[in-house]
Protein backbone atom coordinates (compact mmCIF):
# COMPACT_ATOMS: atom_id res chain seq x y z
CA MET A 1 -16.56 -42.50 -51.73
CA ALA A 2 -19.91 -40.88 -52.31
CA ALA A 3 -19.82 -37.28 -53.47
CA LYS A 4 -20.91 -34.73 -50.90
CA LYS A 5 -24.27 -33.19 -51.60
CA ILE A 6 -24.42 -29.41 -51.98
CA SER A 7 -27.45 -27.67 -50.51
CA ARG A 8 -29.64 -25.43 -52.62
CA ALA A 9 -28.71 -22.42 -50.53
CA ARG A 10 -25.03 -23.15 -51.08
CA LYS A 11 -25.65 -23.56 -54.84
CA ARG A 12 -27.26 -20.12 -54.92
CA ASP A 13 -24.24 -18.68 -53.05
CA LEU A 14 -21.88 -20.24 -55.59
CA GLU A 15 -23.96 -19.08 -58.55
CA ASP A 16 -24.41 -15.52 -57.27
CA PRO A 17 -21.27 -13.33 -57.49
CA ASP A 18 -19.82 -12.14 -54.19
CA GLU A 19 -20.96 -8.55 -53.46
CA PHE A 20 -17.45 -7.45 -52.51
CA ILE A 21 -15.95 -8.89 -55.70
CA THR A 22 -18.76 -7.42 -57.81
CA PHE A 23 -18.26 -3.94 -56.36
CA TRP A 24 -14.51 -3.91 -56.94
CA THR A 25 -14.87 -5.46 -60.41
CA ARG A 26 -17.24 -2.67 -61.40
CA LEU A 27 -14.97 -0.08 -59.84
CA PHE A 28 -11.87 -1.31 -61.69
CA ASN A 29 -13.83 -1.52 -64.96
CA PHE A 30 -14.95 2.08 -64.48
CA ILE A 31 -11.37 3.15 -63.74
CA ALA A 32 -10.12 1.35 -66.86
CA GLU A 33 -12.67 3.19 -69.01
CA HIS A 34 -12.05 6.61 -67.41
CA LYS A 35 -8.34 6.50 -66.64
CA VAL A 36 -7.60 10.18 -67.09
CA GLN A 37 -10.65 11.46 -65.19
CA VAL A 38 -10.28 9.06 -62.31
CA SER A 39 -6.52 8.79 -61.82
CA CYS A 40 -6.03 12.05 -59.92
CA ALA A 41 -9.11 11.64 -57.74
CA LEU A 42 -8.38 8.00 -57.00
CA THR A 43 -4.76 8.73 -56.14
CA PHE A 44 -5.87 11.44 -53.71
CA PHE A 45 -8.50 9.12 -52.22
CA VAL A 46 -5.98 6.30 -51.71
CA VAL A 47 -3.47 8.69 -50.15
CA LEU A 48 -6.13 9.89 -47.71
CA ILE A 49 -6.91 6.30 -46.69
CA ILE A 50 -3.22 5.51 -46.21
CA VAL A 51 -2.60 8.70 -44.20
CA ALA A 52 -5.63 8.05 -41.98
CA ALA A 53 -4.62 4.43 -41.37
CA VAL A 54 -1.01 5.36 -40.59
CA THR A 55 -2.13 8.18 -38.27
CA VAL A 56 -4.40 5.86 -36.27
CA PHE A 57 -1.71 3.18 -36.10
CA PHE A 58 1.03 5.50 -34.90
CA SER A 59 -1.35 7.32 -32.57
CA LYS A 60 -2.12 4.06 -30.77
CA LYS A 61 1.52 3.04 -30.93
CA SER A 62 2.62 6.38 -29.46
CA GLU A 63 0.00 6.19 -26.70
CA ASN A 64 1.12 2.69 -25.75
CA LYS A 65 4.75 3.81 -25.81
CA ALA A 66 3.97 6.79 -23.56
CA PHE A 67 2.24 4.60 -20.99
CA PHE A 68 5.06 2.03 -21.17
CA LEU A 69 7.69 4.71 -20.51
CA LEU A 70 5.54 6.18 -17.72
CA GLN A 71 5.32 2.78 -16.04
CA GLN A 72 9.07 2.29 -16.40
CA GLY A 73 9.74 5.71 -14.91
CA VAL A 74 7.50 5.11 -11.91
CA VAL A 75 9.07 1.70 -11.18
CA LYS A 76 12.57 3.17 -11.45
CA TYR A 77 11.64 6.07 -9.14
CA GLN A 78 10.04 3.80 -6.52
CA THR A 79 12.99 1.40 -6.62
CA LEU A 80 15.50 4.21 -5.97
CA VAL A 81 13.35 5.67 -3.16
CA LYS A 82 13.09 2.27 -1.45
CA ALA A 83 16.85 1.85 -1.80
CA GLY A 84 17.30 5.01 0.25
CA ASN A 85 18.22 7.35 -2.61
CA PRO A 86 15.32 9.86 -2.72
CA ASN A 87 17.45 12.67 -4.17
CA LYS A 88 18.81 10.48 -6.95
CA ALA A 89 15.28 9.16 -7.55
CA TYR A 90 13.97 12.71 -7.98
CA LEU A 91 16.82 13.84 -10.24
CA ASP A 92 16.54 10.76 -12.46
CA ALA A 93 12.75 11.16 -12.56
CA GLY A 94 13.24 14.71 -13.82
CA LYS A 95 15.22 13.44 -16.80
CA ASP A 96 12.99 10.47 -17.58
CA PHE A 97 9.67 12.24 -17.12
CA GLY A 98 10.94 15.33 -18.92
CA LEU A 99 11.47 13.25 -22.07
CA ILE A 100 8.00 11.67 -21.82
CA MET A 101 6.31 15.04 -21.26
CA GLU A 102 8.16 16.59 -24.18
CA LYS A 103 7.76 13.79 -26.72
CA TYR A 104 4.23 12.70 -25.79
CA SER A 105 2.74 15.99 -24.59
CA GLY A 106 -0.44 15.44 -26.62
CA LYS A 107 -1.01 11.88 -25.38
CA LYS A 108 -2.79 10.80 -22.22
CA GLY A 109 0.35 9.00 -21.12
CA GLY A 110 2.33 12.23 -21.44
CA LYS A 111 -0.26 14.20 -19.48
CA LEU A 112 -0.38 11.62 -16.70
CA ALA A 113 3.42 11.66 -16.67
CA ARG A 114 3.29 15.38 -15.88
CA PHE A 115 0.78 14.77 -13.09
CA THR A 116 2.97 12.02 -11.62
CA TYR A 117 6.06 14.19 -11.89
CA ALA A 118 4.28 17.10 -10.17
CA GLU A 119 3.55 14.76 -7.25
CA MET A 120 7.21 13.75 -7.20
CA CYS A 121 8.25 17.41 -7.10
CA TYR A 122 5.98 17.94 -4.08
CA ALA A 123 7.42 14.86 -2.35
CA ALA A 124 10.93 16.26 -2.94
CA ALA A 125 9.85 19.62 -1.41
CA ASP A 126 10.41 21.32 -4.78
CA TYR A 127 7.12 23.18 -4.38
CA ASP A 128 7.64 25.82 -7.08
CA LYS A 129 8.24 23.15 -9.71
CA ALA A 130 5.25 21.17 -8.44
CA ILE A 131 3.06 24.27 -8.78
CA ALA A 132 4.36 24.98 -12.29
CA ASN A 133 3.53 21.45 -13.44
CA PHE A 134 0.13 21.34 -11.74
CA ASN A 135 -0.78 24.64 -13.43
CA LYS A 136 0.14 23.24 -16.87
CA LEU A 137 -2.25 20.35 -16.27
CA PHE A 138 -5.33 22.58 -15.93
CA VAL A 139 -5.86 22.78 -19.70
CA ASP A 140 -5.29 19.06 -20.20
CA PHE A 141 -7.81 17.89 -17.59
CA ASN A 142 -10.25 20.78 -17.53
CA ASP A 143 -13.17 18.54 -18.56
CA GLU A 144 -12.36 15.69 -16.17
CA LEU A 145 -13.69 16.79 -12.79
CA PHE A 146 -12.02 14.20 -10.57
CA LEU A 147 -8.56 14.74 -12.07
CA LYS A 148 -9.10 18.50 -12.03
CA ASN A 149 -9.85 18.31 -8.31
CA LEU A 150 -6.67 16.29 -7.76
CA ILE A 151 -4.73 19.05 -9.50
CA LEU A 152 -6.39 21.67 -7.29
CA ASN A 153 -5.54 19.48 -4.31
CA GLY A 154 -1.90 19.36 -5.37
CA LEU A 155 -1.80 23.14 -5.73
CA GLY A 156 -3.47 23.58 -2.35
CA TYR A 157 -0.92 21.36 -0.61
CA SER A 158 2.01 22.96 -2.44
CA TYR A 159 1.05 26.48 -1.38
CA LYS A 160 0.29 25.23 2.13
CA ALA A 161 3.83 23.80 2.32
CA LYS A 162 5.15 27.22 1.22
CA LYS A 163 3.08 28.74 4.08
CA ASP A 164 1.10 30.79 1.59
CA TYR A 165 -2.11 29.98 3.43
CA LYS A 166 -4.45 32.37 1.63
CA THR A 167 -3.53 31.06 -1.82
CA SER A 168 -3.70 27.49 -0.54
CA ALA A 169 -7.20 28.08 0.86
CA LYS A 170 -8.33 29.42 -2.52
CA TYR A 171 -7.64 26.08 -4.20
CA PHE A 172 -9.26 23.99 -1.48
CA GLU A 173 -12.31 26.28 -1.64
CA MET A 174 -12.58 25.54 -5.36
CA ILE A 175 -12.74 21.80 -4.59
CA VAL A 176 -15.47 22.35 -2.00
CA THR A 177 -17.67 24.18 -4.56
CA THR A 178 -17.54 21.38 -7.16
CA PRO A 179 -20.22 18.64 -7.39
CA ASP A 180 -17.62 15.87 -6.99
CA TYR A 181 -17.59 14.59 -3.38
CA SER A 182 -14.57 12.27 -3.62
CA ILE A 183 -12.04 14.54 -1.84
CA LYS A 184 -14.31 17.25 -0.43
CA ASP A 185 -13.82 16.12 3.17
CA GLU A 186 -10.04 16.38 2.72
CA ALA A 187 -10.42 19.88 1.27
CA LEU A 188 -12.67 20.92 4.17
CA PHE A 189 -10.17 19.56 6.70
CA ASN A 190 -7.37 21.55 5.09
CA LEU A 191 -9.56 24.65 5.05
CA GLY A 192 -10.25 24.19 8.76
CA GLU A 193 -6.51 24.18 9.45
CA LEU A 194 -5.77 27.04 7.05
CA TYR A 195 -8.46 29.30 8.47
CA ALA A 196 -7.07 28.60 11.95
CA GLU A 197 -3.58 29.57 10.74
CA THR A 198 -4.89 32.89 9.42
CA GLY A 199 -6.76 33.59 12.67
CA ASP A 200 -10.32 32.99 11.46
CA GLN A 201 -11.47 30.50 14.11
CA ASP A 202 -15.18 30.74 13.23
CA LYS A 203 -14.59 29.74 9.58
CA SER A 204 -12.23 27.03 10.77
CA ILE A 205 -14.86 25.42 13.03
CA ASP A 206 -17.53 25.80 10.32
CA ALA A 207 -15.32 23.83 7.90
CA PHE A 208 -14.76 21.09 10.49
CA LYS A 209 -18.47 20.92 11.34
CA LYS A 210 -19.32 20.54 7.66
CA ILE A 211 -17.26 17.36 7.59
CA LEU A 212 -19.36 15.98 10.46
CA SER A 213 -22.66 16.98 8.83
CA ASP A 214 -21.95 16.12 5.17
CA HIS A 215 -19.23 13.45 5.36
CA SER A 216 -20.08 11.19 8.30
CA GLY A 217 -17.86 8.35 7.08
CA SER A 218 -14.81 10.53 6.58
CA MET A 219 -11.40 9.43 7.86
CA TYR A 220 -11.15 12.88 9.47
CA THR A 221 -14.29 12.46 11.61
CA GLU A 222 -12.61 11.58 14.94
CA ILE A 223 -9.94 14.28 14.61
CA VAL A 224 -12.57 16.87 13.72
CA LYS A 225 -14.75 15.87 16.69
CA GLU A 226 -11.84 16.55 19.03
CA LYS A 227 -11.14 19.92 17.44
CA VAL A 228 -14.81 20.99 17.62
CA ALA A 229 -15.11 19.77 21.23
CA TRP A 230 -11.90 21.59 22.23
CA HIS A 231 -13.16 24.79 20.62
CA SER A 232 -16.48 24.53 22.47
CA LYS A 233 -14.69 24.32 25.83
CA SER A 234 -12.35 27.21 25.16
């Protein structure tokens, strides 16, 4: 069998020492010649690398674990609710989500677990606990406008359910003043109802009209049209 020819480029690669090998060879030679001076610094350097690597690894591992437990908790909660056990679902969720929020409080999965649990508290008519959890989320999602608005929305609905209409309106008003339009129409609709409850019919109609002028494709459009038309006749 004829011997395989080796290209000139490949010959040069074989003749020239690998850069990685050369670097580490020089480094180890230097360490051998300066053992005392280098040992402490090198040990510290290696420890830093190991600590950093372990931190990143466990950080990712913890984040994945938090999301996995969150998913498990949601599935368990939904299964119990569908089975006709809403009270048991809520009580079990409190235990499961409590552990996630406590152990992974600094992780995104832990923060989203608190948001999910706050929604569960609202669904179970445990409005005070929902409010407490929504308030804790403000710091976590202060820089994320959409999630912040969802938290304000949750607070608005919770106070509305408690018939504290003035406090509820305050949170929906905060949503209306933000540049994010995703749930503004919903906030305006709630404000229209809240202002009506507190006897301020003019502000109520203004909120409804703003939905018609600024959010033409809103799901509340037809309802708002009826309310505005009824008010015009009265």
